[in-house]
């Protein structure tokens, strides 16, 4: 994934954007799991699944998927990739 950005507004609304890049010669299915944590607590999470054609890229976004009391927290994206069915 290229250019992942996960940030919160001052009121604690979290959004994520990124670009999936498939540099292979086969279509790939990407699964992106994103979680916002504050200490040990999960404030919100989402999963994005997207198939990207061989040699192509795709933009992904998850607007307002988590809420914290302010902009404090940690956002962690995890990406897995497999051959598309």
PDB file of N, CA and C in Angstrom:
ATOM      1  N   UNK A   1       0.855  -1.170   0.000  1.00  0.00           N
ATOM      2  CA  UNK A   1       0.000   0.000   0.000  1.00  0.00           C
ATOM      3  C   UNK A   1       0.902   1.234   0.000  1.00  0.00           C
ATOM      4  N   UNK A   2       0.469   2.218  -0.754  1.00  0.00           N
ATOM      5  CA  UNK A   2       1.238   3.447  -0.874  1.00  0.00           C
ATOM      6  C   UNK A   2       0.437   4.595  -0.259  1.00  0.00           C
ATOM      7  N   UNK A   3       1.109   5.482   0.414  1.00  0.00           N
ATOM      8  CA  UNK A   3       0.531   6.707   0.978  1.00  0.00           C
ATOM      9  C   UNK A   3      -0.634   6.476   1.938  1.00  0.00           C
ATOM     10  N   UNK A   4      -0.497   5.560   2.898  1.00  0.00           N
ATOM     11  CA  UNK A   4      -1.612   5.426   3.853  1.00  0.00           C
ATOM     12  C   UNK A   4      -1.655   6.633   4.788  1.00  0.00           C
ATOM     13  N   UNK A   5      -2.832   7.208   4.938  1.00  0.00           N
ATOM     14  CA  UNK A   5      -3.018   8.351   5.840  1.00  0.00           C
ATOM     15  C   UNK A   5      -4.218   8.037   6.725  1.00  0.00           C
ATOM     16  N   UNK A   6      -3.986   8.083   8.013  1.00  0.00           N
ATOM     17  CA  UNK A   6      -5.054   7.868   8.976  1.00  0.00           C
ATOM     18  C   UNK A   6      -4.951   9.008   9.974  1.00  0.00           C
ATOM     19  N   UNK A   7      -5.989   9.804  10.055  1.00  0.00           N
ATOM     20  CA  UNK A   7      -5.916  10.966  10.943  1.00  0.00           C
ATOM     21  C   UNK A   7      -7.277  11.292  11.514  1.00  0.00           C
ATOM     22  N   UNK A   8      -7.218  12.032  12.616  1.00  0.00           N
ATOM     23  CA  UNK A   8      -8.445  12.441  13.300  1.00  0.00           C
ATOM     24  C   UNK A   8      -8.597  13.947  13.228  1.00  0.00           C
ATOM     25  N   UNK A   9      -9.845  14.367  13.186  1.00  0.00           N
ATOM     26  CA  UNK A   9     -10.141  15.789  13.319  1.00  0.00           C
ATOM     27  C   UNK A   9     -10.047  16.131  14.804  1.00  0.00           C
ATOM     28  N   UNK A  10     -10.104  17.400  15.127  1.00  0.00           N
ATOM     29  CA  UNK A  10     -10.004  17.840  16.522  1.00  0.00           C
ATOM     30  C   UNK A  10     -11.108  17.246  17.394  1.00  0.00           C
ATOM     31  N   UNK A  11     -12.267  16.940  16.789  1.00  0.00           N
ATOM     32  CA  UNK A  11     -13.375  16.375  17.580  1.00  0.00           C
ATOM     33  C   UNK A  11     -13.301  14.846  17.690  1.00  0.00           C
ATOM     34  N   UNK A  12     -12.226  14.226  17.136  1.00  0.00           N
ATOM     35  CA  UNK A  12     -12.015  12.796  17.311  1.00  0.00           C
ATOM     36  C   UNK A  12     -12.636  11.892  16.257  1.00  0.00           C
ATOM     37  N   UNK A  13     -13.013  12.425  15.113  1.00  0.00           N
ATOM     38  CA  UNK A  13     -13.552  11.619  14.026  1.00  0.00           C
ATOM     39  C   UNK A  13     -12.393  11.157  13.136  1.00  0.00           C
ATOM     40  N   UNK A  14     -12.197   9.829  13.020  1.00  0.00           N
ATOM     41  CA  UNK A  14     -11.059   9.264  12.303  1.00  0.00           C
ATOM     42  C   UNK A  14     -11.438   8.845  10.878  1.00  0.00           C
ATOM     43  N   UNK A  15     -10.532   9.139   9.931  1.00  0.00           N
ATOM     44  CA  UNK A  15     -10.704   8.744   8.534  1.00  0.00           C
ATOM     45  C   UNK A  15      -9.394   8.178   8.005  1.00  0.00           C
ATOM     46  N   UNK A  16      -9.503   7.323   6.986  1.00  0.00           N
ATOM     47  CA  UNK A  16      -8.342   6.660   6.396  1.00  0.00           C
ATOM     48  C   UNK A  16      -8.407   6.770   4.884  1.00  0.00           C
ATOM     49  N   UNK A  17      -7.254   6.991   4.249  1.00  0.00           N
ATOM     50  CA  UNK A  17      -7.125   6.920   2.789  1.00  0.00           C
ATOM     51  C   UNK A  17      -5.809   6.235   2.456  1.00  0.00           C
ATOM     52  N   UNK A  18      -5.745   5.634   1.280  1.00  0.00           N
ATOM     53  CA  UNK A  18      -4.517   4.992   0.828  1.00  0.00           C
ATOM     54  C   UNK A  18      -4.658   4.550  -0.613  1.00  0.00           C
ATOM     55  N   UNK A  19      -3.560   4.051  -1.153  1.00  0.00           N
ATOM     56  CA  UNK A  19      -3.538   3.557  -2.523  1.00  0.00           C
ATOM     57  C   UNK A  19      -3.016   2.130  -2.517  1.00  0.00           C
ATOM     58  N   UNK A  20      -3.815   1.218  -3.069  1.00  0.00           N
ATOM     59  CA  UNK A  20      -3.382  -0.162  -3.232  1.00  0.00           C
ATOM     60  C   UNK A  20      -2.671  -0.277  -4.569  1.00  0.00           C
ATOM     61  N   UNK A  21      -1.519  -0.940  -4.593  1.00  0.00           N
ATOM     62  CA  UNK A  21      -0.730  -1.066  -5.816  1.00  0.00           C
ATOM     63  C   UNK A  21      -0.512  -2.546  -6.115  1.00  0.00           C
ATOM     64  N   UNK A  22      -0.943  -2.967  -7.291  1.00  0.00           N
ATOM     65  CA  UNK A  22      -0.732  -4.341  -7.735  1.00  0.00           C
ATOM     66  C   UNK A  22       0.324  -4.320  -8.831  1.00  0.00           C
ATOM     67  N   UNK A  23       1.553  -4.649  -8.488  1.00  0.00           N
ATOM     68  CA  UNK A  23       2.632  -4.640  -9.468  1.00  0.00           C
ATOM     69  C   UNK A  23       2.843  -6.021 -10.094  1.00  0.00           C
ATOM     70  N   UNK A  24       1.953  -6.959  -9.800  1.00  0.00           N
ATOM     71  CA  UNK A  24       2.092  -8.309 -10.348  1.00  0.00           C
ATOM     72  C   UNK A  24       1.381  -8.420 -11.707  1.00  0.00           C
ATOM     73  N   UNK A  25       1.490  -9.599 -12.313  1.00  0.00           N
ATOM     74  CA  UNK A  25       0.822  -9.835 -13.594  1.00  0.00           C
ATOM     75  C   UNK A  25      -0.493 -10.598 -13.419  1.00  0.00           C
ATOM     76  N   UNK A  26      -1.006 -10.662 -12.173  1.00  0.00           N
ATOM     77  CA  UNK A  26      -2.285 -11.309 -11.877  1.00  0.00           C
ATOM     78  C   UNK A  26      -3.157 -10.359 -11.071  1.00  0.00           C
ATOM     79  N   UNK A  27      -4.468 -10.482 -11.217  1.00  0.00           N
ATOM     80  CA  UNK A  27      -5.379  -9.695 -10.384  1.00  0.00           C
ATOM     81  C   UNK A  27      -5.206 -10.130  -8.929  1.00  0.00           C
ATOM     82  N   UNK A  28      -5.243  -9.162  -8.017  1.00  0.00           N
ATOM     83  CA  UNK A  28      -5.050  -9.442  -6.592  1.00  0.00           C
ATOM     84  C   UNK A  28      -6.207  -8.876  -5.782  1.00  0.00           C
ATOM     85  N   UNK A  29      -6.559  -9.578  -4.709  1.00  0.00           N
ATOM     86  CA  UNK A  29      -7.566  -9.091  -3.785  1.00  0.00           C
ATOM     87  C   UNK A  29      -6.856  -8.637  -2.519  1.00  0.00           C
ATOM     88  N   UNK A  30      -7.047  -7.360  -2.196  1.00  0.00           N
ATOM     89  CA  UNK A  30      -6.449  -6.763  -1.008  1.00  0.00           C
ATOM     90  C   UNK A  30      -7.501  -6.684   0.091  1.00  0.00           C
ATOM     91  N   UNK A  31      -7.102  -6.998   1.306  1.00  0.00           N
ATOM     92  CA  UNK A  31      -7.949  -6.791   2.474  1.00  0.00           C
ATOM     93  C   UNK A  31      -7.164  -5.893   3.419  1.00  0.00           C
ATOM     94  N   UNK A  32      -7.768  -4.765   3.766  1.00  0.00           N
ATOM     95  CA  UNK A  32      -7.127  -3.800   4.663  1.00  0.00           C
ATOM     96  C   UNK A  32      -7.981  -3.692   5.921  1.00  0.00           C
ATOM     97  N   UNK A  33      -7.395  -4.062   7.050  1.00  0.00           N
ATOM     98  CA  UNK A  33      -8.063  -3.919   8.343  1.00  0.00           C
ATOM     99  C   UNK A  33      -7.450  -2.706   9.035  1.00  0.00           C
ATOM    100  N   UNK A  34      -8.306  -1.821   9.528  1.00  0.00           N
ATOM    101  CA  UNK A  34      -7.845  -0.576  10.146  1.00  0.00           C
ATOM    102  C   UNK A  34      -8.500  -0.466  11.515  1.00  0.00           C
ATOM    103  N   UNK A  35      -7.687  -0.186  12.524  1.00  0.00           N
ATOM    104  CA  UNK A  35      -8.227  -0.040  13.872  1.00  0.00           C
ATOM    105  C   UNK A  35      -7.639   1.199  14.528  1.00  0.00           C
ATOM    106  N   UNK A  36      -8.461   1.872  15.314  1.00  0.00           N
ATOM    107  CA  UNK A  36      -8.005   2.986  16.147  1.00  0.00           C
ATOM    108  C   UNK A  36      -8.105   2.530  17.597  1.00  0.00           C
ATOM    109  N   UNK A  37      -6.998   2.661  18.303  1.00  0.00           N
ATOM    110  CA  UNK A  37      -6.976   2.293  19.715  1.00  0.00           C
ATOM    111  C   UNK A  37      -6.584   3.498  20.558  1.00  0.00           C
ATOM    112  N   UNK A  38      -7.114   3.512  21.771  1.00  0.00           N
ATOM    113  CA  UNK A  38      -6.735   4.499  22.778  1.00  0.00           C
ATOM    114  C   UNK A  38      -6.353   3.662  23.998  1.00  0.00           C
ATOM    115  N   UNK A  39      -5.038   3.543  24.237  1.00  0.00           N
ATOM    116  CA  UNK A  39      -4.583   2.611  25.258  1.00  0.00           C
ATOM    117  C   UNK A  39      -4.979   1.209  24.831  1.00  0.00           C
ATOM    118  N   UNK A  40      -5.549   0.405  25.732  1.00  0.00           N
ATOM    119  CA  UNK A  40      -5.949  -0.954  25.358  1.00  0.00           C
ATOM    120  C   UNK A  40      -7.336  -1.034  24.700  1.00  0.00           C
ATOM    121  N   UNK A  41      -8.065   0.072  24.643  1.00  0.00           N
ATOM    122  CA  UNK A  41      -9.435   0.060  24.117  1.00  0.00           C
ATOM    123  C   UNK A  41      -9.465   0.328  22.618  1.00  0.00           C
ATOM    124  N   UNK A  42     -10.316  -0.417  21.908  1.00  0.00           N
ATOM    125  CA  UNK A  42     -10.535  -0.186  20.478  1.00  0.00           C
ATOM    126  C   UNK A  42     -11.654   0.838  20.335  1.00  0.00           C
ATOM    127  N   UNK A  43     -11.338   1.969  19.714  1.00  0.00           N
ATOM    128  CA  UNK A  43     -12.325   3.037  19.541  1.00  0.00           C
ATOM    129  C   UNK A  43     -13.154   2.847  18.282  1.00  0.00           C
ATOM    130  N   UNK A  44     -12.643   2.083  17.342  1.00  0.00           N
ATOM    131  CA  UNK A  44     -13.358   1.830  16.104  1.00  0.00           C
ATOM    132  C   UNK A  44     -12.488   1.053  15.146  1.00  0.00           C
ATOM    133  N   UNK A  45     -13.122   0.371  14.200  1.00  0.00           N
ATOM    134  CA  UNK A  45     -12.375  -0.399  13.212  1.00  0.00           C
ATOM    135  C   UNK A  45     -13.224  -0.572  11.961  1.00  0.00           C
ATOM    136  N   UNK A  46     -12.546  -0.926  10.878  1.00  0.00           N
ATOM    137  CA  UNK A  46     -13.232  -1.202   9.617  1.00  0.00           C
ATOM    138  C   UNK A  46     -12.370  -2.124   8.779  1.00  0.00           C
ATOM    139  N   UNK A  47     -12.989  -2.772   7.800  1.00  0.00           N
ATOM    140  CA  UNK A  47     -12.276  -3.625   6.854  1.00  0.00           C
ATOM    141  C   UNK A  47     -12.677  -3.214   5.445  1.00  0.00           C
ATOM    142  N   UNK A  48     -11.675  -3.054   4.591  1.00  0.00           N
ATOM    143  CA  UNK A  48     -11.902  -2.728   3.183  1.00  0.00           C
ATOM    144  C   UNK A  48     -11.357  -3.879   2.352  1.00  0.00           C
ATOM    145  N   UNK A  49     -12.178  -4.421   1.442  1.00  0.00           N
ATOM    146  CA  UNK A  49     -11.736  -5.470   0.522  1.00  0.00           C
ATOM    147  C   UNK A  49     -11.891  -4.929  -0.892  1.00  0.00           C
ATOM    148  N   UNK A  50     -10.806  -5.035  -1.662  1.00  0.00           N
ATOM    149  CA  UNK A  50     -10.818  -4.457  -3.015  1.00  0.00           C
ATOM    150  C   UNK A  50      -9.973  -5.322  -3.943  1.00  0.00           C
ATOM    151  N   UNK A  51     -10.509  -5.661  -5.111  1.00  0.00           N
ATOM    152  CA  UNK A  51      -9.730  -6.368  -6.126  1.00  0.00           C
ATOM    153  C   UNK A  51      -9.091  -5.331  -7.040  1.00  0.00           C
ATOM    154  N   UNK A  52      -7.788  -5.509  -7.283  1.00  0.00           N
ATOM    155  CA  UNK A  52      -7.037  -4.579  -8.128  1.00  0.00           C
ATOM    156  C   UNK A  52      -6.477  -5.378  -9.307  1.00  0.00           C
ATOM    157  N   UNK A  53      -6.745  -4.895 -10.515  1.00  0.00           N
ATOM    158  CA  UNK A  53      -6.288  -5.570 -11.731  1.00  0.00           C
ATOM    159  C   UNK A  53      -4.764  -5.576 -11.810  1.00  0.00           C
ATOM    160  N   UNK A  54      -4.243  -6.538 -12.542  1.00  0.00           N
ATOM    161  CA  UNK A  54      -2.794  -6.667 -12.728  1.00  0.00           C
ATOM    162  C   UNK A  54      -2.198  -5.364 -13.242  1.00  0.00           C
ATOM    163  N   UNK A  55      -1.126  -4.926 -12.616  1.00  0.00           N
ATOM    164  CA  UNK A  55      -0.428  -3.719 -13.051  1.00  0.00           C
ATOM    165  C   UNK A  55      -1.139  -2.413 -12.762  1.00  0.00           C
ATOM    166  N   UNK A  56      -2.190  -2.441 -11.983  1.00  0.00           N
ATOM    167  CA  UNK A  56      -2.985  -1.233 -11.709  1.00  0.00           C
ATOM    168  C   UNK A  56      -2.907  -0.857 -10.230  1.00  0.00           C
ATOM    169  N   UNK A  57      -3.511   0.277  -9.916  1.00  0.00           N
ATOM    170  CA  UNK A  57      -3.624   0.715  -8.523  1.00  0.00           C
ATOM    171  C   UNK A  57      -5.056   1.192  -8.288  1.00  0.00           C
ATOM    172  N   UNK A  58      -5.421   1.300  -7.010  1.00  0.00           N
ATOM    173  CA  UNK A  58      -6.776   1.731  -6.664  1.00  0.00           C
ATOM    174  C   UNK A  58      -6.737   2.521  -5.370  1.00  0.00           C
ATOM    175  N   UNK A  59      -7.487   3.607  -5.353  1.00  0.00           N
ATOM    176  CA  UNK A  59      -7.612   4.416  -4.143  1.00  0.00           C
ATOM    177  C   UNK A  59      -8.658   3.781  -3.233  1.00  0.00           C
ATOM    178  N   UNK A  60      -8.406   3.824  -1.927  1.00  0.00           N
ATOM    179  CA  UNK A  60      -9.395   3.353  -0.957  1.00  0.00           C
ATOM    180  C   UNK A  60      -9.592   4.426   0.103  1.00  0.00           C
ATOM    181  N   UNK A  61     -10.755   4.399   0.742  1.00  0.00           N
ATOM    182  CA  UNK A  61     -11.048   5.381   1.784  1.00  0.00           C
ATOM    183  C   UNK A  61     -12.046   4.803   2.773  1.00  0.00           C
ATOM    184  N   UNK A  62     -11.900   5.207   4.020  1.00  0.00           N
ATOM    185  CA  UNK A  62     -12.848   4.858   5.079  1.00  0.00           C
ATOM    186  C   UNK A  62     -13.091   6.140   5.876  1.00  0.00           C
ATOM    187  N   UNK A  63     -14.081   6.928   5.485  1.00  0.00           N
ATOM    188  CA  UNK A  63     -14.346   8.175   6.199  1.00  0.00           C
ATOM    189  C   UNK A  63     -15.073   7.925   7.514  1.00  0.00           C
ATOM    190  N   UNK A  64     -14.655   8.644   8.539  1.00  0.00           N
ATOM    191  CA  UNK A  64     -15.363   8.656   9.828  1.00  0.00           C
ATOM    192  C   UNK A  64     -15.677   7.262  10.371  1.00  0.00           C
ATOM    193  N   UNK A  65     -14.686   6.365  10.366  1.00  0.00           N
ATOM    194  CA  UNK A  65     -14.921   4.988  10.798  1.00  0.00           C
ATOM    195  C   UNK A  65     -14.703   4.774  12.294  1.00  0.00           C
ATOM    196  N   UNK A  66     -14.141   5.758  12.988  1.00  0.00           N
ATOM    197  CA  UNK A  66     -13.909   5.624  14.428  1.00  0.00           C
ATOM    198  C   UNK A  66     -14.106   6.977  15.087  1.00  0.00           C
ATOM    199  N   UNK A  67     -14.373   6.944  16.391  1.00  0.00           N
ATOM    200  CA  UNK A  67     -14.601   8.187  17.140  1.00  0.00           C
ATOM    201  C   UNK A  67     -13.908   8.082  18.489  1.00  0.00           C
ATOM    202  N   UNK A  68     -13.094   9.091  18.789  1.00  0.00           N
ATOM    203  CA  UNK A  68     -12.458   9.216  20.093  1.00  0.00           C
ATOM    204  C   UNK A  68     -12.863  10.557  20.677  1.00  0.00           C
ATOM    205  N   UNK A  69     -12.583  10.778  21.957  1.00  0.00           N
ATOM    206  CA  UNK A  69     -13.041  12.033  22.565  1.00  0.00           C
ATOM    207  C   UNK A  69     -12.281  13.255  22.051  1.00  0.00           C
ATOM    208  N   UNK A  70     -11.093  13.039  21.509  1.00  0.00           N
ATOM    209  CA  UNK A  70     -10.329  14.101  20.840  1.00  0.00           C
ATOM    210  C   UNK A  70      -9.462  13.410  19.790  1.00  0.00           C
ATOM    211  N   UNK A  71      -8.412  14.041  19.328  1.00  0.00           N
ATOM    212  CA  UNK A  71      -7.611  13.428  18.263  1.00  0.00           C
ATOM    213  C   UNK A  71      -6.557  12.468  18.797  1.00  0.00           C
ATOM    214  N   UNK A  72      -6.569  12.160  20.101  1.00  0.00           N
ATOM    215  CA  UNK A  72      -5.609  11.211  20.657  1.00  0.00           C
ATOM    216  C   UNK A  72      -6.000   9.795  20.265  1.00  0.00           C
ATOM    217  N   UNK A  73      -5.013   8.980  19.972  1.00  0.00           N
ATOM    218  CA  UNK A  73      -5.243   7.588  19.621  1.00  0.00           C
ATOM    219  C   UNK A  73      -4.177   7.112  18.657  1.00  0.00           C
ATOM    220  N   UNK A  74      -4.205   5.822  18.378  1.00  0.00           N
ATOM    221  CA  UNK A  74      -3.262   5.224  17.447  1.00  0.00           C
ATOM    222  C   UNK A  74      -4.042   4.500  16.365  1.00  0.00           C
ATOM    223  N   UNK A  75      -3.704   4.786  15.126  1.00  0.00           N
ATOM    224  CA  UNK A  75      -4.368   4.152  13.988  1.00  0.00           C
ATOM    225  C   UNK A  75      -3.394   3.163  13.355  1.00  0.00           C
ATOM    226  N   UNK A  76      -3.855   1.910  13.196  1.00  0.00           N
ATOM    227  CA  UNK A  76      -2.990   0.872  12.662  1.00  0.00           C
ATOM    228  C   UNK A  76      -3.677   0.145  11.513  1.00  0.00           C
ATOM    229  N   UNK A  77      -3.158   0.316  10.265  1.00  0.00           N
ATOM    230  CA  UNK A  77      -3.683  -0.469   9.148  1.00  0.00           C
ATOM    231  C   UNK A  77      -2.839  -1.735   8.960  1.00  0.00           C
ATOM    232  N   UNK A  78      -3.502  -2.845   8.600  1.00  0.00           N
ATOM    233  CA  UNK A  78      -2.840  -4.098   8.293  1.00  0.00           C
ATOM    234  C   UNK A  78      -3.375  -4.577   6.941  1.00  0.00           C
ATOM    235  N   UNK A  79      -2.459  -4.919   6.023  1.00  0.00           N
ATOM    236  CA  UNK A  79      -2.849  -5.285   4.656  1.00  0.00           C
ATOM    237  C   UNK A  79      -2.501  -6.739   4.389  1.00  0.00           C
ATOM    238  N   UNK A  80      -3.449  -7.466   3.790  1.00  0.00           N
ATOM    239  CA  UNK A  80      -3.143  -8.807   3.281  1.00  0.00           C
ATOM    240  C   UNK A  80      -3.531  -8.842   1.801  1.00  0.00           C
ATOM    241  N   UNK A  81      -2.819  -9.684   1.043  1.00  0.00           N
ATOM    242  CA  UNK A  81      -3.020  -9.760  -0.407  1.00  0.00           C
ATOM    243  C   UNK A  81      -3.070 -11.226  -0.819  1.00  0.00           C
ATOM    244  N   UNK A  82      -4.005 -11.551  -1.702  1.00  0.00           N
ATOM    245  CA  UNK A  82      -4.061 -12.899  -2.261  1.00  0.00           C
ATOM    246  C   UNK A  82      -4.509 -12.814  -3.704  1.00  0.00           C
ATOM    247  N   UNK A  83      -4.316 -13.901  -4.445  1.00  0.00           N
ATOM    248  CA  UNK A  83      -4.783 -13.921  -5.831  1.00  0.00           C
ATOM    249  C   UNK A  83      -6.293 -13.767  -5.858  1.00  0.00           C
ATOM    250  N   UNK A  84      -6.792 -12.961  -6.773  1.00  0.00           N
ATOM    251  CA  UNK A  84      -8.236 -12.742  -6.890  1.00  0.00           C
ATOM    252  C   UNK A  84      -8.882 -13.990  -7.469  1.00  0.00           C
ATOM    253  N   UNK A  85     -10.100 -14.284  -7.013  1.00  0.00           N
ATOM    254  CA  UNK A  85     -10.801 -15.466  -7.553  1.00  0.00           C
ATOM    255  C   UNK A  85     -11.188 -15.280  -9.002  1.00  0.00           C
TER     256      UNK A  85
END
